[in-house]
Amino acid sequence: MKDEYLSEVTSQAEYVARARARLAKAGLTRVDLGGTVYWTGGTGTETICLLHGANDHAGSWGWVAPALAKSRRLIIPDLPGHGESEPHTGPIYMQFMVDRVSAILDAESVSRMTLAGNSMGAWVAILHTLAHPEQVSRLILESGGGLAMPLGVPLVTSNRDEAARMLRAAHGPRAQLPEWTIDALITRSTDSPMVRLVTSDLISHLVDNRLSEIKTPTTIIWGADDGVVPRNYAERLHDLITGSELVVIADAAHIPHIQQPERIVECLLSTS
């Protein structure tokens, strides 16, 4: 698995700065829409909207944005409570995230698009598709989806052993984890976006009983080494979404678009 994205930097701040710089280098422009920040740019008549996971930010997609922007228009938000988007304190409500994605798409006059989400972003993508099926030409769910099924690790942590276990589940069993990654997780153990999410309205937005409503062509992408969301979760999504395709990516864990970016670009371009 490619883990240079961790070893080549020395702090969380440097990692975030480098990731977001990849978006600018790809030619994307930062926009602030009433406190919700997003990046947009690229070339082509087809649009791809990319939604990151919990505790992450738009820069997560910086490993695939340069290749995608050559032939697609991209829209990549910092979801509310993440990255540079408000609110910066207090609970983060799932419905508010869905509403802000809709507001961004309205501001960008998007009528049809491919909508892709990683982890929690996949859950937001499902909820948007259910609310606006006419707007989504293809749905891409990467390592997530909002089911009432147990995860492979706890979502919050308070000690170094738990933090290391969580990080290895996300980055793969063979990933080399610098100490700064554990330090960063411990530092945010009481006020991270994930902590703020679990104190909000997540349970009321579980989608198990609604997935049969999805008629949009759907591709489910999973990392073969994902220790955060087990494979049976992906298989359950595949069973519940009629006609969906399941693609398992070797040598990737919970963030395939960083861990195997070339493979994810191929998947996105072949389905958009």
Protein backbone atom coordinates (compact mmCIF):
# COMPACT_ATOMS: atom_id res chain seq x y z
CA MET A 1 0.00 0.00 0.00
CA LYS A 2 1.19 3.50 -0.77
CA ASP A 3 1.76 5.31 2.53
CA GLU A 4 4.19 7.99 1.35
CA TYR A 5 1.38 10.48 1.91
CA LEU A 6 2.01 10.01 5.65
CA SER A 7 5.77 9.52 5.81
CA GLU A 8 6.74 12.48 3.64
CA VAL A 9 5.43 15.07 6.13
CA THR A 10 6.18 15.76 9.80
CA SER A 11 2.94 17.17 11.23
CA GLN A 12 -0.81 17.24 10.79
CA ALA A 13 -0.69 20.92 9.80
CA GLU A 14 1.88 20.21 7.09
CA TYR A 15 -0.14 17.25 5.81
CA VAL A 16 -3.31 19.35 5.53
CA ALA A 17 -1.48 22.25 3.86
CA ARG A 18 0.14 19.96 1.28
CA ALA A 19 -3.12 18.18 0.55
CA ARG A 20 -5.01 21.43 -0.04
CA ALA A 21 -2.14 22.77 -2.14
CA ARG A 22 -2.74 19.84 -4.51
CA LEU A 23 -6.21 21.25 -5.25
CA ALA A 24 -4.78 24.66 -6.15
CA LYS A 25 -2.05 23.05 -8.24
CA ALA A 26 -4.78 21.19 -10.16
CA GLY A 27 -6.22 24.59 -11.10
CA LEU A 28 -9.15 24.56 -8.69
CA THR A 29 -10.41 27.76 -7.07
CA ARG A 30 -11.44 28.15 -3.43
CA VAL A 31 -14.97 29.56 -2.92
CA ASP A 32 -16.66 30.59 0.33
CA LEU A 33 -20.46 30.27 0.16
CA GLY A 34 -21.85 31.72 3.36
CA GLY A 35 -19.35 29.95 5.56
CA THR A 36 -19.16 26.73 3.55
CA VAL A 37 -15.88 26.42 1.65
CA TYR A 38 -15.51 24.43 -1.55
CA TRP A 39 -13.10 24.06 -4.45
CA THR A 40 -14.13 24.04 -8.07
CA GLY A 41 -12.53 23.97 -11.50
CA GLY A 42 -11.50 21.60 -14.23
CA THR A 43 -12.41 21.09 -17.85
CA GLY A 44 -15.31 19.39 -19.59
CA THR A 45 -19.08 19.26 -19.72
CA GLU A 46 -19.45 16.49 -17.12
CA THR A 47 -19.34 17.31 -13.41
CA ILE A 48 -18.04 15.20 -10.54
CA CYS A 49 -18.76 16.24 -6.94
CA LEU A 50 -16.46 14.63 -4.36
CA LEU A 51 -17.39 14.38 -0.66
CA HIS A 52 -14.76 13.55 1.97
CA GLY A 53 -15.16 11.50 5.16
CA ALA A 54 -15.42 12.47 8.83
CA ASN A 55 -12.37 14.24 10.34
CA ASP A 56 -11.19 14.95 6.79
CA HIS A 57 -11.42 17.88 4.36
CA ALA A 58 -11.53 18.71 0.65
CA GLY A 59 -7.78 18.26 0.33
CA SER A 60 -8.30 14.53 0.77
CA TRP A 61 -9.20 14.46 -2.93
CA GLY A 62 -5.98 16.24 -3.93
CA TRP A 63 -4.41 12.93 -4.97
CA VAL A 64 -7.03 12.40 -7.70
CA ALA A 65 -8.05 15.98 -8.58
CA PRO A 66 -5.22 16.73 -11.06
CA ALA A 67 -6.04 13.74 -13.27
CA LEU A 68 -9.80 14.25 -13.03
CA ALA A 69 -9.64 18.00 -13.74
CA LYS A 70 -8.15 17.34 -17.18
CA SER A 71 -11.52 16.14 -18.48
CA ARG A 72 -14.13 16.83 -15.78
CA ARG A 73 -15.51 19.80 -13.91
CA LEU A 74 -14.93 19.22 -10.19
CA ILE A 75 -16.74 20.43 -7.09
CA ILE A 76 -15.08 19.47 -3.80
CA PRO A 77 -16.55 20.85 -0.54
CA ASP A 78 -15.21 21.08 2.96
CA LEU A 79 -18.32 19.58 4.54
CA PRO A 80 -19.78 21.62 7.45
CA GLY A 81 -17.63 21.45 10.55
CA HIS A 82 -14.65 20.16 8.55
CA GLY A 83 -11.69 21.89 6.96
CA GLU A 84 -12.44 25.60 6.71
CA SER A 85 -16.24 25.30 6.74
CA GLU A 86 -18.48 26.47 9.58
CA PRO A 87 -19.62 25.63 12.20
CA HIS A 88 -16.31 25.42 14.00
CA THR A 89 -17.85 24.36 17.33
CA GLY A 90 -20.91 22.44 18.52
CA PRO A 91 -22.79 19.51 16.98
CA ILE A 92 -22.57 18.84 13.24
CA TYR A 93 -25.96 17.78 11.91
CA MET A 94 -26.26 15.37 9.01
CA GLN A 95 -29.19 17.21 7.46
CA PHE A 96 -27.22 20.45 7.54
CA MET A 97 -24.39 18.77 5.64
CA VAL A 98 -26.83 17.53 3.00
CA ASP A 99 -28.42 20.96 2.75
CA ARG A 100 -25.07 22.71 2.30
CA VAL A 101 -24.03 20.30 -0.46
CA SER A 102 -27.32 21.13 -2.19
CA ALA A 103 -26.66 24.84 -1.76
CA ILE A 104 -23.22 24.50 -3.36
CA LEU A 105 -24.63 22.58 -6.32
CA ASP A 106 -27.36 25.19 -6.77
CA ALA A 107 -24.78 27.99 -6.64
CA GLU A 108 -22.77 26.19 -9.33
CA SER A 109 -25.91 25.57 -11.45
CA VAL A 110 -25.36 21.80 -11.52
CA SER A 111 -28.24 19.95 -13.15
CA ARG A 112 -26.60 16.51 -13.56
CA MET A 113 -23.43 15.04 -12.06
CA THR A 114 -21.56 12.06 -10.75
CA LEU A 115 -21.69 12.20 -6.95
CA ALA A 116 -18.93 10.37 -5.08
CA GLY A 117 -18.36 10.13 -1.34
CA ASN A 118 -15.85 8.48 0.96
CA SER A 119 -16.91 7.07 4.35
CA MET A 120 -19.30 9.63 5.91
CA GLY A 121 -19.27 11.45 2.58
CA ALA A 122 -20.81 8.35 1.00
CA TRP A 123 -23.64 8.61 3.54
CA VAL A 124 -24.18 12.27 2.64
CA ALA A 125 -24.11 11.29 -1.05
CA ILE A 126 -26.84 8.70 -0.50
CA LEU A 127 -29.05 11.18 1.33
CA HIS A 128 -28.58 13.78 -1.42
CA THR A 129 -29.41 11.20 -4.08
CA LEU A 130 -32.57 10.18 -2.25
CA ALA A 131 -33.63 13.83 -2.01
CA HIS A 132 -32.57 14.83 -5.55
CA PRO A 133 -32.48 11.71 -7.75
CA GLU A 134 -32.88 13.77 -10.91
CA GLN A 135 -29.56 15.52 -10.24
CA VAL A 136 -27.36 12.42 -9.83
CA SER A 137 -26.45 10.54 -13.00
CA ARG A 138 -24.16 8.14 -11.14
CA LEU A 139 -23.51 7.48 -7.46
CA ILE A 140 -20.09 6.35 -6.22
CA LEU A 141 -19.89 5.03 -2.65
CA GLU A 142 -16.34 4.56 -1.36
CA SER A 143 -15.98 2.80 2.00
CA GLY A 144 -19.20 4.07 3.56
CA GLY A 145 -22.95 4.42 3.37
CA GLY A 146 -24.94 4.98 6.59
CA LEU A 147 -26.08 1.47 7.54
CA ALA A 148 -27.05 0.28 11.03
CA MET A 149 -24.15 -2.18 11.11
CA PRO A 150 -21.19 -2.39 13.51
CA LEU A 151 -17.89 -0.89 12.43
CA GLY A 152 -14.49 -2.48 12.80
CA VAL A 153 -13.13 0.08 15.29
CA PRO A 154 -14.54 2.72 17.67
CA LEU A 155 -15.09 6.11 16.08
CA VAL A 156 -13.55 8.09 18.95
CA THR A 157 -10.44 7.41 20.98
CA SER A 158 -8.73 8.66 24.13
CA ASN A 159 -5.43 6.75 24.34
CA ARG A 160 -2.49 5.96 22.09
CA ASP A 161 -3.22 2.25 21.70
CA GLU A 162 -6.76 2.93 20.52
CA ALA A 163 -5.53 5.71 18.25
CA ALA A 164 -2.94 3.44 16.63
CA ARG A 165 -5.55 0.73 16.11
CA MET A 166 -7.95 3.20 14.50
CA LEU A 167 -5.27 4.61 12.21
CA ARG A 168 -4.11 1.15 11.13
CA ALA A 169 -7.72 0.24 10.32
CA ALA A 170 -7.96 3.34 8.12
CA HIS A 171 -4.54 3.17 6.46
CA GLY A 172 -3.98 -0.58 6.30
CA PRO A 173 -2.25 -3.23 8.44
CA ARG A 174 1.13 -2.62 6.81
CA ALA A 175 1.05 1.19 6.82
CA GLN A 176 3.99 2.93 8.52
CA LEU A 177 2.40 5.39 10.95
CA PRO A 178 4.52 8.39 12.00
CA GLU A 179 4.09 9.43 15.63
CA TRP A 180 2.51 12.71 14.56
CA THR A 181 -0.52 10.86 13.21
CA ILE A 182 -1.22 9.38 16.64
CA ASP A 183 -0.52 12.69 18.37
CA ALA A 184 -2.98 14.48 16.08
CA LEU A 185 -5.75 11.99 16.78
CA ILE A 186 -5.23 12.21 20.55
CA THR A 187 -5.13 16.02 20.47
CA ARG A 188 -8.58 16.13 18.82
CA SER A 189 -10.09 13.35 20.94
CA THR A 190 -12.67 15.62 22.60
CA ASP A 191 -13.57 18.13 19.87
CA SER A 192 -12.94 16.45 16.51
CA PRO A 193 -15.63 16.59 13.81
CA MET A 194 -16.32 12.90 14.50
CA VAL A 195 -17.01 13.61 18.18
CA ARG A 196 -19.29 16.48 17.16
CA LEU A 197 -21.10 14.19 14.69
CA VAL A 198 -21.84 11.37 17.12
CA THR A 199 -23.55 13.84 19.45
CA SER A 200 -25.95 14.98 16.72
CA ASP A 201 -28.69 13.36 14.63
CA LEU A 202 -26.88 10.49 12.92
CA ILE A 203 -29.19 7.68 14.00
CA SER A 204 -32.26 9.32 12.48
CA HIS A 205 -30.54 9.33 9.06
CA LEU A 206 -29.68 5.64 8.76
CA VAL A 207 -30.60 4.48 5.25
CA ASP A 208 -31.04 0.69 5.50
CA ASN A 209 -34.76 0.87 4.76
CA ARG A 210 -34.42 3.45 1.97
CA LEU A 211 -31.76 2.01 -0.30
CA SER A 212 -34.34 0.20 -2.42
CA GLU A 213 -35.50 3.67 -3.52
CA ILE A 214 -32.20 4.33 -5.30
CA LYS A 215 -32.55 3.82 -9.05
CA THR A 216 -29.39 5.75 -9.92
CA PRO A 217 -26.55 3.62 -11.38
CA THR A 218 -24.32 2.97 -8.38
CA THR A 219 -20.74 1.78 -7.98
CA ILE A 220 -19.55 0.66 -4.53
CA ILE A 221 -15.78 0.89 -4.07
CA TRP A 222 -14.07 -0.79 -1.12
CA GLY A 223 -10.48 -1.17 0.00
CA ALA A 224 -9.55 -4.82 0.44
CA ASP A 225 -7.79 -3.97 3.74
CA ASP A 226 -10.47 -1.64 5.15
CA GLY A 227 -10.53 -2.19 8.91
CA VAL A 228 -12.93 0.67 9.65
CA VAL A 229 -15.93 -0.54 7.66
CA PRO A 230 -15.82 -4.34 7.13
CA ARG A 231 -16.41 -6.01 3.76
CA ASN A 232 -19.82 -7.35 4.83
CA TYR A 233 -20.95 -3.71 5.00
CA ALA A 234 -20.07 -3.27 1.33
CA GLU A 235 -21.81 -6.50 0.44
CA ARG A 236 -24.94 -5.36 2.29
CA LEU A 237 -24.97 -2.08 0.33
CA HIS A 238 -24.52 -4.09 -2.85
CA ASP A 239 -27.50 -6.30 -1.95
CA LEU A 240 -29.78 -3.40 -1.03
CA ILE A 241 -29.06 -1.12 -4.03
CA THR A 242 -30.55 -2.81 -7.06
CA GLY A 243 -28.15 -3.19 -9.97
CA SER A 244 -25.16 -1.78 -8.09
CA GLU A 245 -21.58 -2.79 -8.93
CA LEU A 246 -19.06 -3.72 -6.21
CA VAL A 247 -15.38 -3.00 -6.90
CA VAL A 248 -12.75 -4.12 -4.35
CA ILE A 249 -9.40 -2.31 -4.57
CA ALA A 250 -6.31 -4.32 -3.63
CA ASP A 251 -3.66 -2.69 -1.41
CA ALA A 252 -6.09 -0.06 -0.14
CA ALA A 253 -7.88 0.37 3.17
CA HIS A 254 -10.47 2.99 4.18
CA ILE A 255 -9.30 5.82 1.89
CA PRO A 256 -8.71 4.22 -1.54
CA HIS A 257 -8.61 7.56 -3.35
CA ILE A 258 -5.40 8.40 -1.45
CA GLN A 259 -4.01 4.88 -1.12
CA GLN A 260 -4.60 3.83 -4.75
CA PRO A 261 -5.38 7.11 -6.56
CA GLU A 262 -4.73 5.83 -10.09
CA ARG A 263 -7.26 3.04 -9.61
CA ILE A 264 -9.89 5.43 -8.25
CA VAL A 265 -9.37 7.86 -11.14
CA GLU A 266 -9.95 4.95 -13.49
CA CYS A 267 -13.16 4.01 -11.67
CA LEU A 268 -14.45 7.59 -11.63
CA LEU A 269 -13.70 8.27 -15.28
CA SER A 270 -15.21 4.97 -16.40
CA THR A 271 -18.47 5.67 -14.57
CA SER A 272 -18.98 9.42 -15.01
